[in-house]
């Protein structure tokens, strides 16, 4: 059984990497009428009312400085952040803020480097879902090949 599983994984990897299709574009088929602009990524800039967790303590930005929060903080989007660093959204989701992560006063999340992570999380979930489907399809193909032999 372990051998079959190992063969399925190897076959799936080979199938996924074996794309011999070459894509070319004829200059006459390129549509130059449409220009798509990509918005600049949102990066974190400190403002009063923002929250973070540093060394396990909830910090709030007030008057240009980070101070320890003595009670829970409610953000503009209705998110409530407890002094233990747990954020609760209006729809009931609960997330613990990682040490060094930020939530601005409007409710947008940022990582330690200051990059907005809300969209990245959604994209990551979609990527994992797509990878799972590809692995399943590859494993099924490998299983079919093994049955034929």
C-alpha atoms as a PDB file:
ATOM      1  CA  UNK A   1       0.000   0.000   0.000  1.00  0.00           C
ATOM      2  CA  UNK A   2       2.872   2.375   0.829  1.00  0.00           C
ATOM      3  CA  UNK A   3       4.461   1.658  -2.542  1.00  0.00           C
ATOM      4  CA  UNK A   4       1.232   2.435  -4.383  1.00  0.00           C
ATOM      5  CA  UNK A   5       0.852   5.691  -2.480  1.00  0.00           C
ATOM      6  CA  UNK A   6       4.476   6.619  -3.196  1.00  0.00           C
ATOM      7  CA  UNK A   7       4.027   5.830  -6.891  1.00  0.00           C
ATOM      8  CA  UNK A   8       0.836   7.916  -6.957  1.00  0.00           C
ATOM      9  CA  UNK A   9       2.600  10.917  -5.403  1.00  0.00           C
ATOM     10  CA  UNK A  10       5.565  10.675  -7.773  1.00  0.00           C
ATOM     11  CA  UNK A  11       3.307  10.229 -10.802  1.00  0.00           C
ATOM     12  CA  UNK A  12       1.164  13.183  -9.745  1.00  0.00           C
ATOM     13  CA  UNK A  13       4.235  15.356  -9.419  1.00  0.00           C
ATOM     14  CA  UNK A  14       5.510  14.325 -12.834  1.00  0.00           C
ATOM     15  CA  UNK A  15       2.147  14.873 -14.495  1.00  0.00           C
ATOM     16  CA  UNK A  16       1.792  18.313 -12.889  1.00  0.00           C
ATOM     17  CA  UNK A  17       5.261  19.374 -14.055  1.00  0.00           C
ATOM     18  CA  UNK A  18       5.035  17.885 -17.553  1.00  0.00           C
ATOM     19  CA  UNK A  19       3.349  20.682 -19.476  1.00  0.00           C
ATOM     20  CA  UNK A  20       4.764  20.660 -22.991  1.00  0.00           C
ATOM     21  CA  UNK A  21       2.226  23.142 -24.286  1.00  0.00           C
ATOM     22  CA  UNK A  22       3.838  26.255 -25.748  1.00  0.00           C
ATOM     23  CA  UNK A  23       1.793  29.414 -25.832  1.00  0.00           C
ATOM     24  CA  UNK A  24       2.503  32.056 -28.451  1.00  0.00           C
ATOM     25  CA  UNK A  25       0.754  35.270 -29.228  1.00  0.00           C
ATOM     26  CA  UNK A  26       0.458  36.720 -32.689  1.00  0.00           C
ATOM     27  CA  UNK A  27       0.922  40.494 -32.617  1.00  0.00           C
ATOM     28  CA  UNK A  28      -2.177  40.925 -34.767  1.00  0.00           C
ATOM     29  CA  UNK A  29      -4.383  39.325 -32.085  1.00  0.00           C
ATOM     30  CA  UNK A  30      -3.286  41.527 -29.184  1.00  0.00           C
ATOM     31  CA  UNK A  31      -5.947  43.977 -28.050  1.00  0.00           C
ATOM     32  CA  UNK A  32      -4.225  47.257 -27.242  1.00  0.00           C
ATOM     33  CA  UNK A  33      -7.456  49.150 -26.546  1.00  0.00           C
ATOM     34  CA  UNK A  34      -7.796  47.864 -22.991  1.00  0.00           C
ATOM     35  CA  UNK A  35      -5.351  48.969 -20.333  1.00  0.00           C
ATOM     36  CA  UNK A  36      -5.550  47.253 -16.988  1.00  0.00           C
ATOM     37  CA  UNK A  37      -4.041  48.962 -13.994  1.00  0.00           C
ATOM     38  CA  UNK A  38      -3.179  47.032 -10.877  1.00  0.00           C
ATOM     39  CA  UNK A  39      -3.717  48.938  -7.642  1.00  0.00           C
ATOM     40  CA  UNK A  40      -0.695  49.399  -5.424  1.00  0.00           C
ATOM     41  CA  UNK A  41      -0.594  47.019  -2.472  1.00  0.00           C
ATOM     42  CA  UNK A  42      -1.947  48.381   0.798  1.00  0.00           C
ATOM     43  CA  UNK A  43       0.807  48.820   3.356  1.00  0.00           C
ATOM     44  CA  UNK A  44       0.500  49.663   7.005  1.00  0.00           C
ATOM     45  CA  UNK A  45       0.826  53.216   8.269  1.00  0.00           C
ATOM     46  CA  UNK A  46       0.292  53.829  11.978  1.00  0.00           C
ATOM     47  CA  UNK A  47      -2.687  55.956  13.021  1.00  0.00           C
ATOM     48  CA  UNK A  48      -4.363  56.523  16.369  1.00  0.00           C
ATOM     49  CA  UNK A  49      -6.794  53.755  17.248  1.00  0.00           C
ATOM     50  CA  UNK A  50      -4.735  50.959  15.656  1.00  0.00           C
ATOM     51  CA  UNK A  51      -4.013  47.840  17.727  1.00  0.00           C
ATOM     52  CA  UNK A  52      -1.198  45.305  17.876  1.00  0.00           C
ATOM     53  CA  UNK A  53       0.158  42.667  20.207  1.00  0.00           C
ATOM     54  CA  UNK A  54       3.700  43.084  21.499  1.00  0.00           C
ATOM     55  CA  UNK A  55       5.228  40.555  23.867  1.00  0.00           C
ATOM     56  CA  UNK A  56       1.764  39.162  24.587  1.00  0.00           C
ATOM     57  CA  UNK A  57       0.214  42.525  25.520  1.00  0.00           C
ATOM     58  CA  UNK A  58      -2.497  44.341  23.578  1.00  0.00           C
ATOM     59  CA  UNK A  59      -1.205  47.736  22.527  1.00  0.00           C
ATOM     60  CA  UNK A  60      -3.210  50.650  21.126  1.00  0.00           C
ATOM     61  CA  UNK A  61      -1.797  53.630  19.273  1.00  0.00           C
ATOM     62  CA  UNK A  62      -2.754  56.852  21.074  1.00  0.00           C
ATOM     63  CA  UNK A  63      -1.358  60.342  20.614  1.00  0.00           C
ATOM     64  CA  UNK A  64       1.512  59.118  18.430  1.00  0.00           C
ATOM     65  CA  UNK A  65       2.711  56.331  20.760  1.00  0.00           C
ATOM     66  CA  UNK A  66       1.918  52.678  21.515  1.00  0.00           C
ATOM     67  CA  UNK A  67       0.424  52.182  24.994  1.00  0.00           C
ATOM     68  CA  UNK A  68      -0.853  49.064  26.763  1.00  0.00           C
ATOM     69  CA  UNK A  69      -4.633  48.746  26.380  1.00  0.00           C
ATOM     70  CA  UNK A  70      -6.401  48.426  29.729  1.00  0.00           C
ATOM     71  CA  UNK A  71      -9.738  47.288  28.254  1.00  0.00           C
ATOM     72  CA  UNK A  72     -11.112  45.791  25.030  1.00  0.00           C
ATOM     73  CA  UNK A  73     -11.037  47.925  21.908  1.00  0.00           C
ATOM     74  CA  UNK A  74     -13.877  48.242  19.387  1.00  0.00           C
ATOM     75  CA  UNK A  75     -12.762  49.093  15.850  1.00  0.00           C
ATOM     76  CA  UNK A  76     -14.744  51.058  13.243  1.00  0.00           C
ATOM     77  CA  UNK A  77     -15.960  47.885  11.474  1.00  0.00           C
ATOM     78  CA  UNK A  78     -17.345  46.463  14.744  1.00  0.00           C
ATOM     79  CA  UNK A  79     -14.423  44.115  15.453  1.00  0.00           C
ATOM     80  CA  UNK A  80     -13.801  43.786  19.182  1.00  0.00           C
ATOM     81  CA  UNK A  81     -10.241  43.120  20.340  1.00  0.00           C
ATOM     82  CA  UNK A  82      -9.842  41.817  23.899  1.00  0.00           C
ATOM     83  CA  UNK A  83      -6.891  42.613  26.161  1.00  0.00           C
ATOM     84  CA  UNK A  84      -5.724  39.024  25.578  1.00  0.00           C
ATOM     85  CA  UNK A  85      -5.315  39.803  21.855  1.00  0.00           C
ATOM     86  CA  UNK A  86      -8.356  37.922  20.556  1.00  0.00           C
ATOM     87  CA  UNK A  87     -10.277  39.673  17.771  1.00  0.00           C
ATOM     88  CA  UNK A  88     -13.999  38.916  17.293  1.00  0.00           C
ATOM     89  CA  UNK A  89     -15.692  40.087  14.117  1.00  0.00           C
ATOM     90  CA  UNK A  90     -19.354  41.010  13.810  1.00  0.00           C
ATOM     91  CA  UNK A  91     -20.080  37.704  12.078  1.00  0.00           C
ATOM     92  CA  UNK A  92     -18.626  35.713  15.003  1.00  0.00           C
ATOM     93  CA  UNK A  93     -15.183  34.800  13.652  1.00  0.00           C
ATOM     94  CA  UNK A  94     -12.482  34.699  16.311  1.00  0.00           C
ATOM     95  CA  UNK A  95      -8.804  35.158  15.582  1.00  0.00           C
ATOM     96  CA  UNK A  96      -5.880  35.651  17.935  1.00  0.00           C
ATOM     97  CA  UNK A  97      -3.594  38.450  16.778  1.00  0.00           C
ATOM     98  CA  UNK A  98      -0.066  37.158  16.290  1.00  0.00           C
ATOM     99  CA  UNK A  99       2.727  38.977  18.079  1.00  0.00           C
ATOM    100  CA  UNK A 100       3.753  41.812  15.788  1.00  0.00           C
ATOM    101  CA  UNK A 101       0.610  41.759  13.627  1.00  0.00           C
ATOM    102  CA  UNK A 102      -1.543  44.865  13.347  1.00  0.00           C
ATOM    103  CA  UNK A 103      -5.188  45.740  12.880  1.00  0.00           C
ATOM    104  CA  UNK A 104      -5.858  49.313  11.856  1.00  0.00           C
ATOM    105  CA  UNK A 105      -8.759  51.206  13.357  1.00  0.00           C
ATOM    106  CA  UNK A 106     -10.934  50.397  10.301  1.00  0.00           C
ATOM    107  CA  UNK A 107     -10.462  46.630  10.791  1.00  0.00           C
ATOM    108  CA  UNK A 108      -7.857  45.856   8.105  1.00  0.00           C
ATOM    109  CA  UNK A 109      -5.242  43.242   9.093  1.00  0.00           C
ATOM    110  CA  UNK A 110      -1.499  43.585   8.449  1.00  0.00           C
ATOM    111  CA  UNK A 111       1.460  41.268   8.996  1.00  0.00           C
ATOM    112  CA  UNK A 112       4.703  42.170  10.795  1.00  0.00           C
ATOM    113  CA  UNK A 113       6.140  43.624   7.580  1.00  0.00           C
ATOM    114  CA  UNK A 114       3.134  45.939   7.176  1.00  0.00           C
ATOM    115  CA  UNK A 115       1.491  44.112   4.258  1.00  0.00           C
ATOM    116  CA  UNK A 116      -2.279  43.790   4.161  1.00  0.00           C
ATOM    117  CA  UNK A 117      -3.092  40.105   4.709  1.00  0.00           C
ATOM    118  CA  UNK A 118      -6.859  39.948   4.234  1.00  0.00           C
ATOM    119  CA  UNK A 119      -6.710  39.276   0.485  1.00  0.00           C
ATOM    120  CA  UNK A 120      -3.628  37.107   0.804  1.00  0.00           C
ATOM    121  CA  UNK A 121      -5.485  34.771   3.137  1.00  0.00           C
ATOM    122  CA  UNK A 122      -8.343  34.352   0.686  1.00  0.00           C
ATOM    123  CA  UNK A 123      -5.902  33.718  -2.164  1.00  0.00           C
ATOM    124  CA  UNK A 124      -4.024  31.168  -0.068  1.00  0.00           C
ATOM    125  CA  UNK A 125      -7.217  29.258   0.679  1.00  0.00           C
ATOM    126  CA  UNK A 126      -8.082  29.185  -3.034  1.00  0.00           C
ATOM    127  CA  UNK A 127      -4.557  28.054  -3.934  1.00  0.00           C
ATOM    128  CA  UNK A 128      -4.663  25.196  -1.444  1.00  0.00           C
ATOM    129  CA  UNK A 129      -8.081  24.137  -2.740  1.00  0.00           C
ATOM    130  CA  UNK A 130      -6.796  24.114  -6.354  1.00  0.00           C
ATOM    131  CA  UNK A 131      -3.680  22.151  -5.361  1.00  0.00           C
ATOM    132  CA  UNK A 132      -5.826  19.591  -3.579  1.00  0.00           C
ATOM    133  CA  UNK A 133      -7.956  19.096  -6.676  1.00  0.00           C
ATOM    134  CA  UNK A 134      -4.850  18.685  -8.858  1.00  0.00           C
ATOM    135  CA  UNK A 135      -3.356  16.112  -6.484  1.00  0.00           C
ATOM    136  CA  UNK A 136      -6.629  14.183  -6.393  1.00  0.00           C
ATOM    137  CA  UNK A 137      -6.812  14.110 -10.192  1.00  0.00           C
ATOM    138  CA  UNK A 138      -3.174  13.040 -10.476  1.00  0.00           C
ATOM    139  CA  UNK A 139      -3.635  10.302  -7.895  1.00  0.00           C
ATOM    140  CA  UNK A 140      -6.690   9.018  -9.742  1.00  0.00           C
ATOM    141  CA  UNK A 141      -4.723   8.921 -13.021  1.00  0.00           C
ATOM    142  CA  UNK A 142      -1.848   7.112 -11.302  1.00  0.00           C
ATOM    143  CA  UNK A 143      -4.294   4.628  -9.797  1.00  0.00           C
ATOM    144  CA  UNK A 144      -5.783   3.967 -13.214  1.00  0.00           C
ATOM    145  CA  UNK A 145      -2.300   3.357 -14.664  1.00  0.00           C
ATOM    146  CA  UNK A 146      -1.477   0.915 -11.871  1.00  0.00           C
ATOM    147  CA  UNK A 147      -4.739  -0.979 -12.436  1.00  0.00           C
ATOM    148  CA  UNK A 148      -3.905  -1.314 -16.148  1.00  0.00           C
ATOM    149  CA  UNK A 149      -0.561  -2.973 -15.381  1.00  0.00           C
END
